[in-house]
Protein backbone atom coordinates (compact mmCIF):
# COMPACT_ATOMS: atom_id res chain seq x y z
CA MET A 1 0.00 0.00 0.00
CA ASP A 2 1.26 3.47 -0.88
CA ASN A 3 1.62 5.46 2.36
CA GLY A 4 3.39 8.44 0.75
CA ILE A 5 6.75 7.56 2.24
CA MET A 6 9.66 7.06 -0.20
CA PRO A 7 11.58 3.83 0.47
CA ASP A 8 15.19 4.30 1.60
CA ASN A 9 16.63 2.75 -1.55
CA ASP A 10 14.54 5.07 -3.76
CA LEU A 11 15.69 8.10 -1.72
CA HIS A 12 19.30 6.96 -2.09
CA GLN A 13 18.92 6.52 -5.85
CA ARG A 14 17.31 9.97 -6.14
CA THR A 15 20.17 11.59 -4.19
CA GLU A 16 22.71 9.91 -6.42
CA LEU A 17 20.81 11.01 -9.53
CA LEU A 18 20.67 14.64 -8.35
CA THR A 19 24.37 14.61 -7.44
CA TYR A 20 25.22 13.15 -10.86
CA ALA A 21 23.06 15.78 -12.59
CA PHE A 22 24.80 18.58 -10.65
CA ASP A 23 28.31 17.28 -11.33
CA HIS A 24 27.78 16.53 -15.04
CA HIS A 25 25.35 19.25 -16.11
CA PRO A 26 26.61 21.01 -19.29
CA ASP A 27 25.88 24.41 -17.73
CA GLY A 28 27.92 25.81 -14.89
CA MET A 29 26.33 25.19 -11.50
CA ALA A 30 27.24 26.29 -8.00
CA ILE A 31 25.91 26.60 -4.47
CA VAL A 32 26.92 29.78 -2.59
CA ASP A 33 26.40 30.51 1.11
CA GLY A 34 24.82 33.56 2.70
CA ASP A 35 28.07 35.53 2.38
CA GLY A 36 28.41 34.68 -1.30
CA TYR A 37 31.25 32.16 -0.94
CA PHE A 38 31.21 29.13 -3.25
CA ILE A 39 30.34 25.95 -1.35
CA GLU A 40 29.91 23.53 -4.27
CA VAL A 41 30.84 23.95 -7.94
CA ASN A 42 30.54 21.57 -10.86
CA ALA A 43 33.09 20.71 -13.54
CA SER A 44 31.35 22.85 -16.18
CA LEU A 45 31.72 25.99 -14.05
CA VAL A 46 35.39 25.21 -13.40
CA HIS A 47 35.93 24.86 -17.16
CA MET A 48 33.86 27.97 -17.95
CA LEU A 49 35.74 30.30 -15.57
CA GLY A 50 39.23 28.77 -15.62
CA TYR A 51 39.67 28.59 -11.84
CA THR A 52 40.37 25.41 -9.96
CA GLU A 53 37.63 24.21 -7.64
CA GLU A 54 39.87 25.09 -4.68
CA LYS A 55 40.38 28.67 -5.93
CA LEU A 56 36.65 29.17 -6.51
CA ARG A 57 35.91 28.09 -2.95
CA GLN A 58 38.16 30.94 -1.75
CA LYS A 59 36.14 33.56 -3.65
CA THR A 60 32.75 35.15 -3.35
CA TRP A 61 30.26 35.42 -6.19
CA GLU A 62 30.30 39.23 -5.85
CA HIS A 63 34.05 39.37 -6.60
CA LEU A 64 33.49 37.70 -9.98
CA VAL A 65 30.21 39.11 -11.26
CA SER A 66 30.16 42.46 -13.07
CA ARG A 67 27.09 43.80 -11.30
CA PRO A 68 24.88 42.94 -8.35
CA ALA A 69 22.99 39.76 -9.15
CA CYS A 70 21.04 37.09 -7.36
CA SER A 71 19.79 39.49 -4.70
CA GLY A 72 16.45 39.23 -2.99
CA GLY A 73 14.25 36.20 -2.56
CA GLY A 74 12.61 33.87 -5.05
CA SER A 75 13.85 32.71 -8.43
CA VAL A 76 15.84 35.29 -10.42
CA LYS A 77 16.82 35.09 -14.08
CA SER A 78 19.27 37.61 -15.52
CA GLU A 79 22.30 38.11 -17.72
CA ALA A 80 25.69 38.91 -16.24
CA ALA A 81 29.38 39.12 -17.10
CA VAL A 82 31.67 36.97 -14.94
CA LEU A 83 35.43 37.45 -14.67
CA HIS A 84 37.47 34.58 -16.10
CA GLN A 85 40.70 33.55 -14.37
CA ARG A 86 42.64 35.00 -17.31
CA GLY A 87 40.99 38.39 -16.92
CA HIS A 88 38.38 38.55 -19.68
CA LEU A 89 34.63 38.58 -19.09
CA VAL A 90 32.42 35.54 -19.71
CA HIS A 91 28.84 36.50 -20.58
CA VAL A 92 26.23 34.18 -19.08
CA ARG A 93 22.51 33.68 -18.66
CA MET A 94 22.00 33.03 -15.00
CA THR A 95 19.28 31.45 -12.94
CA CYS A 96 19.40 31.97 -9.19
CA LEU A 97 17.26 29.84 -6.86
CA PRO A 98 17.03 30.01 -3.06
CA TYR A 99 18.49 26.83 -1.58
CA GLU A 100 16.39 25.89 1.41
CA GLY A 101 17.67 23.55 4.07
CA LYS A 102 18.35 23.27 7.75
CA GLY A 103 21.16 25.64 8.68
CA LYS A 104 21.39 26.86 5.06
CA GLU A 105 19.81 30.30 5.44
CA GLY A 106 20.74 32.56 2.54
CA TYR A 107 22.21 29.73 0.43
CA LYS A 108 21.51 29.91 -3.32
CA LEU A 109 21.79 27.59 -6.30
CA LEU A 110 23.27 29.25 -9.40
CA THR A 111 23.00 27.97 -12.97
CA LEU A 112 25.15 29.71 -15.60
CA GLU A 113 24.70 29.20 -19.32
CA GLU A 114 27.51 30.75 -21.38
CA VAL A 115 26.41 33.05 -24.22
CA THR A 116 28.39 35.07 -26.72
CA SER A 117 29.26 38.65 -25.83
CA PRO A 118 26.46 41.04 -26.82
CA GLY A 119 26.91 41.99 -30.48
CA GLN A 120 29.93 39.66 -30.87
CA PRO A 121 29.93 36.42 -32.89
CA GLU A 122 31.31 33.51 -30.94
CA ARG A 123 34.29 33.08 -33.26
CA GLU A 124 35.39 36.71 -32.72
CA GLY A 125 34.95 36.41 -28.97
CA THR A 126 37.26 33.42 -28.88
CA SER A 127 39.84 35.27 -30.98
CA THR A 128 39.78 38.23 -28.59
CA GLN A 129 40.22 35.89 -25.63
CA GLU A 130 43.19 34.18 -27.24
CA MET A 131 44.74 37.55 -28.06
CA PHE A 132 44.29 38.74 -24.47
CA THR A 133 45.86 35.54 -23.16
CA PHE A 134 48.86 35.94 -25.47
CA LEU A 135 49.39 39.59 -24.54
CA SER A 136 48.95 38.90 -20.85
CA GLU A 137 51.51 36.10 -20.78
CA LYS A 138 54.08 37.61 -23.17
CA SER A 139 53.93 41.30 -22.27
CA GLN A 140 56.78 42.85 -20.28
CA ASN A 141 54.15 44.80 -18.36
CA ILE A 142 51.84 43.61 -15.59
CA ILE A 143 48.21 43.33 -16.64
CA SER A 144 45.69 43.20 -13.82
CA ALA A 145 41.99 43.31 -13.11
CA TYR A 146 40.30 44.13 -9.87
CA SER A 147 36.82 44.61 -8.50
CA PRO A 148 35.21 47.99 -7.75
CA ASP A 149 36.29 47.58 -4.10
CA ARG A 150 39.87 47.16 -5.40
CA PHE A 151 40.52 43.46 -4.76
CA PHE A 152 42.62 41.74 -7.42
CA THR A 153 40.59 39.32 -9.54
CA TYR A 154 43.37 38.68 -12.07
CA ILE A 155 47.10 39.28 -12.44
CA SER A 156 49.20 38.31 -15.42
CA PRO A 157 51.94 35.66 -15.06
CA THR A 158 54.56 38.37 -15.68
CA VAL A 159 54.12 39.38 -12.02
CA THR A 160 56.43 36.50 -11.10
CA ASP A 161 59.41 37.76 -13.14
CA LEU A 162 58.81 41.43 -12.37
CA LEU A 163 57.74 41.42 -8.72
CA GLY A 164 58.49 37.91 -7.46
CA TYR A 165 54.91 36.84 -6.65
CA ALA A 166 53.04 33.84 -7.99
CA PRO A 167 49.69 34.99 -9.44
CA GLU A 168 47.78 33.07 -6.76
CA GLU A 169 49.57 35.14 -4.08
CA VAL A 170 48.01 38.29 -5.54
CA VAL A 171 44.52 37.32 -6.73
CA GLY A 172 41.98 37.86 -3.97
CA GLN A 173 44.19 40.34 -2.12
CA PRO A 174 43.47 44.09 -1.84
CA ALA A 175 45.52 46.24 -4.22
CA ALA A 176 46.46 48.47 -1.28
CA ALA A 177 48.44 45.61 0.28
CA PHE A 178 51.08 45.94 -2.46
CA ASN A 179 51.38 49.74 -2.60
CA HIS A 180 53.61 52.00 -0.57
CA PRO A 181 51.57 53.38 2.38
CA ASP A 182 52.20 57.00 1.33
CA ASP A 183 50.95 56.27 -2.19
CA ASN A 184 47.80 54.60 -0.86
CA ILE A 185 46.80 57.90 0.74
CA LYS A 186 47.09 59.67 -2.63
CA LEU A 187 45.21 56.86 -4.41
CA ARG A 188 42.32 57.00 -1.95
CA GLU A 189 42.05 60.75 -2.49
CA HIS A 190 42.05 60.20 -6.25
CA HIS A 191 39.39 57.47 -6.20
CA GLN A 192 37.09 59.85 -4.34
CA THR A 193 37.36 62.38 -7.17
CA VAL A 194 36.89 60.06 -10.19
CA VAL A 195 34.05 61.54 -12.21
CA LEU A 196 31.39 59.70 -14.16
CA ASP A 197 32.86 60.26 -17.63
CA GLN A 198 36.47 59.58 -16.59
CA ASN A 199 37.29 56.10 -17.85
CA THR A 200 41.06 56.17 -18.33
CA VAL A 201 43.54 57.47 -15.76
CA ARG A 202 47.25 57.07 -15.06
CA PHE A 203 48.93 56.52 -11.70
CA THR A 204 52.60 56.63 -10.74
CA GLY A 205 53.54 54.98 -7.46
CA ARG A 206 55.66 52.45 -5.62
CA VAL A 207 54.79 48.74 -5.66
CA ARG A 208 56.27 46.31 -3.15
CA HIS A 209 58.45 43.52 -4.55
CA LYS A 210 58.24 40.18 -2.76
CA ASN A 211 61.78 40.76 -1.43
CA GLY A 212 60.51 43.84 0.45
CA SER A 213 61.94 46.53 -1.82
CA TYR A 214 59.77 48.95 -3.78
CA ARG A 215 59.66 49.43 -7.54
CA TRP A 216 58.20 52.48 -9.29
CA TYR A 217 55.28 51.66 -11.63
CA GLU A 218 53.32 53.77 -14.06
CA THR A 219 49.89 52.17 -14.39
CA THR A 220 47.23 53.04 -16.93
CA VAL A 221 43.81 52.17 -15.54
CA GLU A 222 40.61 51.63 -17.53
CA TYR A 223 37.26 51.74 -15.72
CA ILE A 224 34.62 49.44 -17.20
CA ARG A 225 31.22 50.92 -16.40
CA SER A 226 27.60 49.87 -16.57
CA VAL A 227 25.04 51.81 -18.58
CA SER A 228 24.19 53.75 -15.42
CA GLY A 229 27.86 54.69 -14.92
CA ASP A 230 28.71 52.37 -12.04
CA ILE A 231 32.21 50.86 -12.12
CA LEU A 232 31.96 47.13 -12.89
CA GLN A 233 35.60 46.19 -13.31
CA VAL A 234 38.96 47.94 -13.36
CA ILE A 235 41.69 46.89 -15.79
CA GLY A 236 45.28 48.04 -15.26
CA VAL A 237 48.48 47.87 -17.30
CA GLY A 238 51.56 48.59 -15.19
CA ARG A 239 55.01 49.45 -16.52
CA ASP A 240 58.18 49.41 -14.39
CA ILE A 241 59.73 52.90 -14.53
CA THR A 242 62.16 52.50 -11.62
CA GLU A 243 65.27 53.26 -13.69
CA ARG A 244 63.64 56.34 -15.22
CA LYS A 245 62.42 57.54 -11.83
CA GLU A 246 65.84 57.09 -10.24
CA ALA A 247 67.45 58.97 -13.13
CA GLU A 248 64.98 61.84 -12.67
CA GLU A 249 65.66 61.93 -8.94
CA THR A 250 69.42 61.93 -9.56
CA ILE A 251 69.12 64.82 -12.01
CA ALA A 252 66.93 66.75 -9.55
CA HIS A 253 69.41 66.06 -6.73
CA LEU A 254 72.38 67.22 -8.80
CA ALA A 255 70.55 70.43 -9.69
CA TYR A 256 70.47 71.42 -6.00
CA HIS A 257 73.56 69.74 -4.55
CA ASP A 258 77.28 70.14 -4.93
CA MET A 259 78.70 67.28 -7.00
CA LEU A 260 81.89 66.99 -4.94
CA THR A 261 80.65 67.21 -1.34
CA ASP A 262 76.93 66.38 -1.87
CA LEU A 263 76.07 69.38 0.32
CA PRO A 264 73.26 71.73 -0.77
CA ASN A 265 74.60 74.10 -3.41
CA ARG A 266 74.19 77.85 -3.64
CA ARG A 267 70.78 77.57 -5.37
CA LEU A 268 69.25 75.32 -2.72
CA PHE A 269 70.75 77.33 0.15
CA LYS A 270 69.30 80.56 -1.23
CA SER A 271 65.90 78.93 -1.63
CA ARG A 272 65.80 77.56 1.93
CA VAL A 273 67.02 80.76 3.58
CA SER A 274 64.64 82.97 1.57
CA LEU A 275 61.70 80.72 2.48
CA LEU A 276 62.67 80.75 6.17
CA LEU A 277 63.01 84.53 6.31
CA LYS A 278 59.66 84.95 4.56
CA GLU A 279 57.72 82.57 6.80
CA SER A 280 59.37 83.06 10.20
CA LYS A 281 60.18 86.17 12.21
CA GLY A 282 62.24 84.38 14.86
CA LEU A 283 65.96 84.75 15.56
CA HIS A 284 68.11 83.04 12.92
CA GLY A 285 71.85 82.94 12.36
CA LEU A 286 73.99 82.74 9.22
CA LEU A 287 77.71 81.89 9.08
CA VAL A 288 80.25 82.25 6.28
CA VAL A 289 83.18 79.81 6.61
CA ASP A 290 86.38 80.34 4.60
CA LEU A 291 89.32 77.90 4.76
CA ASN A 292 92.81 79.23 5.46
CA GLY A 293 95.73 77.51 3.75
CA PHE A 294 93.65 75.58 1.23
CA LYS A 295 95.40 77.09 -1.81
CA ASP A 296 98.80 75.98 -0.50
CA ILE A 297 97.55 72.38 -0.11
CA ASN A 298 96.11 72.46 -3.65
CA ASP A 299 99.37 73.79 -5.08
CA THR A 300 101.55 71.38 -3.09
CA PHE A 301 99.60 68.10 -3.29
CA GLY A 302 97.40 68.60 -6.31
CA HIS A 303 93.69 69.15 -6.93
CA GLU A 304 92.70 65.56 -6.17
CA MET A 305 94.08 65.90 -2.65
CA GLY A 306 92.36 69.29 -2.38
CA ASP A 307 89.02 67.76 -3.42
CA ARG A 308 89.32 65.01 -0.82
CA LEU A 309 90.11 67.62 1.80
CA LEU A 310 86.94 69.57 0.90
CA VAL A 311 84.86 66.39 1.28
CA GLU A 312 86.26 65.86 4.79
CA VAL A 313 85.66 69.52 5.70
CA ALA A 314 82.06 69.22 4.50
CA ARG A 315 81.54 66.12 6.65
CA ARG A 316 82.85 67.88 9.75
CA LEU A 317 80.81 71.03 9.14
CA ALA A 318 77.61 69.00 8.77
CA ALA A 319 78.38 67.15 12.03
CA ALA A 320 79.03 70.45 13.85
CA ALA A 321 75.79 72.03 12.61
CA GLU A 322 73.81 68.95 13.75
CA SER A 323 70.28 68.24 12.51
CA ASP A 324 68.84 71.77 12.67
CA GLY A 325 71.55 73.48 10.66
CA VAL A 326 71.86 73.70 6.88
CA VAL A 327 75.41 73.56 5.53
CA ALA A 328 76.08 74.47 1.89
CA ARG A 329 79.11 74.74 -0.32
CA TRP A 330 79.05 78.32 -1.55
CA GLY A 331 81.94 77.90 -3.94
CA GLY A 332 85.66 77.04 -3.95
CA ASP A 333 86.78 76.71 -0.31
CA GLU A 334 83.90 78.77 1.07
CA PHE A 335 80.89 77.34 2.91
CA THR A 336 77.74 78.83 4.41
CA VAL A 337 75.76 77.64 7.44
CA LEU A 338 72.18 78.48 8.36
CA GLN A 339 71.22 77.98 12.03
CA PRO A 340 67.46 78.61 12.35
CA TYR A 341 65.33 79.31 15.43
CA LEU A 342 68.05 80.43 17.83
CA ARG A 343 67.16 80.90 21.46
CA ASN A 344 69.75 83.67 21.79
CA ARG A 345 72.94 85.02 20.17
CA GLU A 346 75.09 82.69 22.28
CA ASP A 347 73.72 79.64 20.37
CA LEU A 348 75.29 80.87 17.15
CA MET A 349 78.53 81.84 18.88
CA ALA A 350 78.71 78.28 20.29
CA LEU A 351 78.30 76.84 16.78
CA GLN A 352 80.95 79.23 15.48
CA GLU A 353 83.38 77.92 18.10
CA ARG A 354 82.53 74.27 17.35
CA ILE A 355 83.33 74.83 13.69
CA ARG A 356 86.72 76.37 14.53
CA LYS A 357 87.56 73.42 16.74
CA VAL A 358 86.50 70.63 14.34
CA LEU A 359 88.53 72.21 11.56
CA SER A 360 91.59 73.08 13.65
CA GLY A 361 92.46 69.42 14.29
CA PRO A 362 94.48 67.40 11.77
CA LEU A 363 92.54 66.26 8.72
CA VAL A 364 93.83 62.90 7.49
CA VAL A 365 93.43 62.47 3.72
CA ASN A 366 94.88 59.43 1.91
CA GLY A 367 96.98 58.68 4.98
CA ARG A 368 98.46 62.18 5.04
CA SER A 369 97.76 64.62 7.89
CA LEU A 370 96.84 68.07 6.58
CA ALA A 371 96.41 71.26 8.59
CA VAL A 372 93.82 73.93 7.75
CA THR A 373 91.99 76.50 9.82
CA ALA A 374 88.83 78.48 9.20
CA SER A 375 87.78 82.11 9.40
CA VAL A 376 84.12 82.37 10.37
CA GLY A 377 81.86 85.41 10.12
CA ALA A 378 78.37 85.64 11.61
CA ALA A 379 75.16 87.58 10.95
CA PHE A 380 71.80 87.60 12.73
CA PHE A 381 68.29 87.92 11.38
CA PRO A 382 66.62 90.36 11.75
CA GLU A 383 69.05 92.76 13.42
CA ASP A 384 71.79 92.47 10.73
CA GLY A 385 69.38 92.39 7.80
CA ASP A 386 66.04 91.04 6.60
CA SER A 387 67.19 89.47 3.32
CA LEU A 388 69.69 86.78 2.37
CA GLU A 389 71.84 89.24 0.41
CA THR A 390 72.10 91.65 3.36
CA LEU A 391 72.91 88.86 5.83
CA LEU A 392 75.55 87.37 3.51
CA GLY A 393 77.17 90.78 3.08
CA HIS A 394 77.29 91.30 6.85
CA ALA A 395 78.66 87.78 7.57
CA ASP A 396 81.19 88.04 4.73
CA ALA A 397 82.53 91.34 6.06
CA ALA A 398 82.80 89.84 9.55
CA MET A 399 84.66 86.83 8.16
CA TYR A 400 87.25 89.05 6.42
CA ARG A 401 87.79 91.03 9.59
CA VAL A 402 88.57 87.75 11.38
CA LYS A 403 90.89 86.65 8.56
CA HIS A 404 92.79 89.94 8.52
CA ARG A 405 93.25 89.90 12.28
CA GLY A 406 94.77 86.46 11.92
CA LYS A 407 92.29 84.81 14.33
CA ARG A 408 91.89 81.05 14.17
């Protein structure tokens, strides 16, 4: 007699049949939990999206789909674009069904049927995919894709040679985790100002290599938007410009620093002093330091020995001025020192005495002990002048008075 209860063997056969249908269905199928993470996926979905089953289980549906889908209750049918492991979009017809079961609140069953890209014949779509794959794997740049919340969904294999990471170490991670912290601040400010019709932008910033160092990258970013203007995906092409950046920094450094001593040169010293005098009305001191006996050393031992002596003098002056002072090579054997924010005149006099002492001791260059002394003249802002030119004139005159009196 039929009592409405399915025999155990029939229930077992039905479970096996449903499992077989799920595993071998020609369309992609998946079960996702309430947070959107993949719980079960079939072989067709693995083949369709290019990820391994293990990698899919580490992702959420929202990280792969181009727009919000499968929200709300009941059965939902829609079309969507899903990100393939290689970075291109797979267009699908999707059916989303609530998956009811004990302890399965929010679970959903997804069925994905692959369709050709809108307006694109299937043969052309395949050709574009193959071309993207070739460019991604052979390019000397890093090609990446990430979600609107800036989590990597794809990174080209070139990341291994250029930055030391395996692609699986990057995919699923936030882009900010690989940027220099200072650059992340600038990027966040930029993202807040991206306007609706701005689809292509260029960033320059530092990217962390796996060995802990940073490389400079120039990245061109393309925003893929929906009809309503929402960002669906972000595609980036990054080019290593470290050598160019270092060359630019070297050129900029040389423009403001003395090539021999690496101290600030006359241009940089003028700029810093002028800015200080303009912005601050405190007590500041300026020294002019001229070496005594340098010409004799140059004539006796040659210019190479003289150059080495100047390098050692520069080192000692910088040490005497400590962190607050600015020491510059003014030209030849003459140096200038800015001592800002003095408490009183005695602070500058103390520095003046330290400089005399550090330069009065023997300077050993190439194993030879050389003797030089220094004549130092001082000027105070604002009492001796309110401009760099006036202060320099006052300090220079004081230095010559010291030199002519023969003081050491």
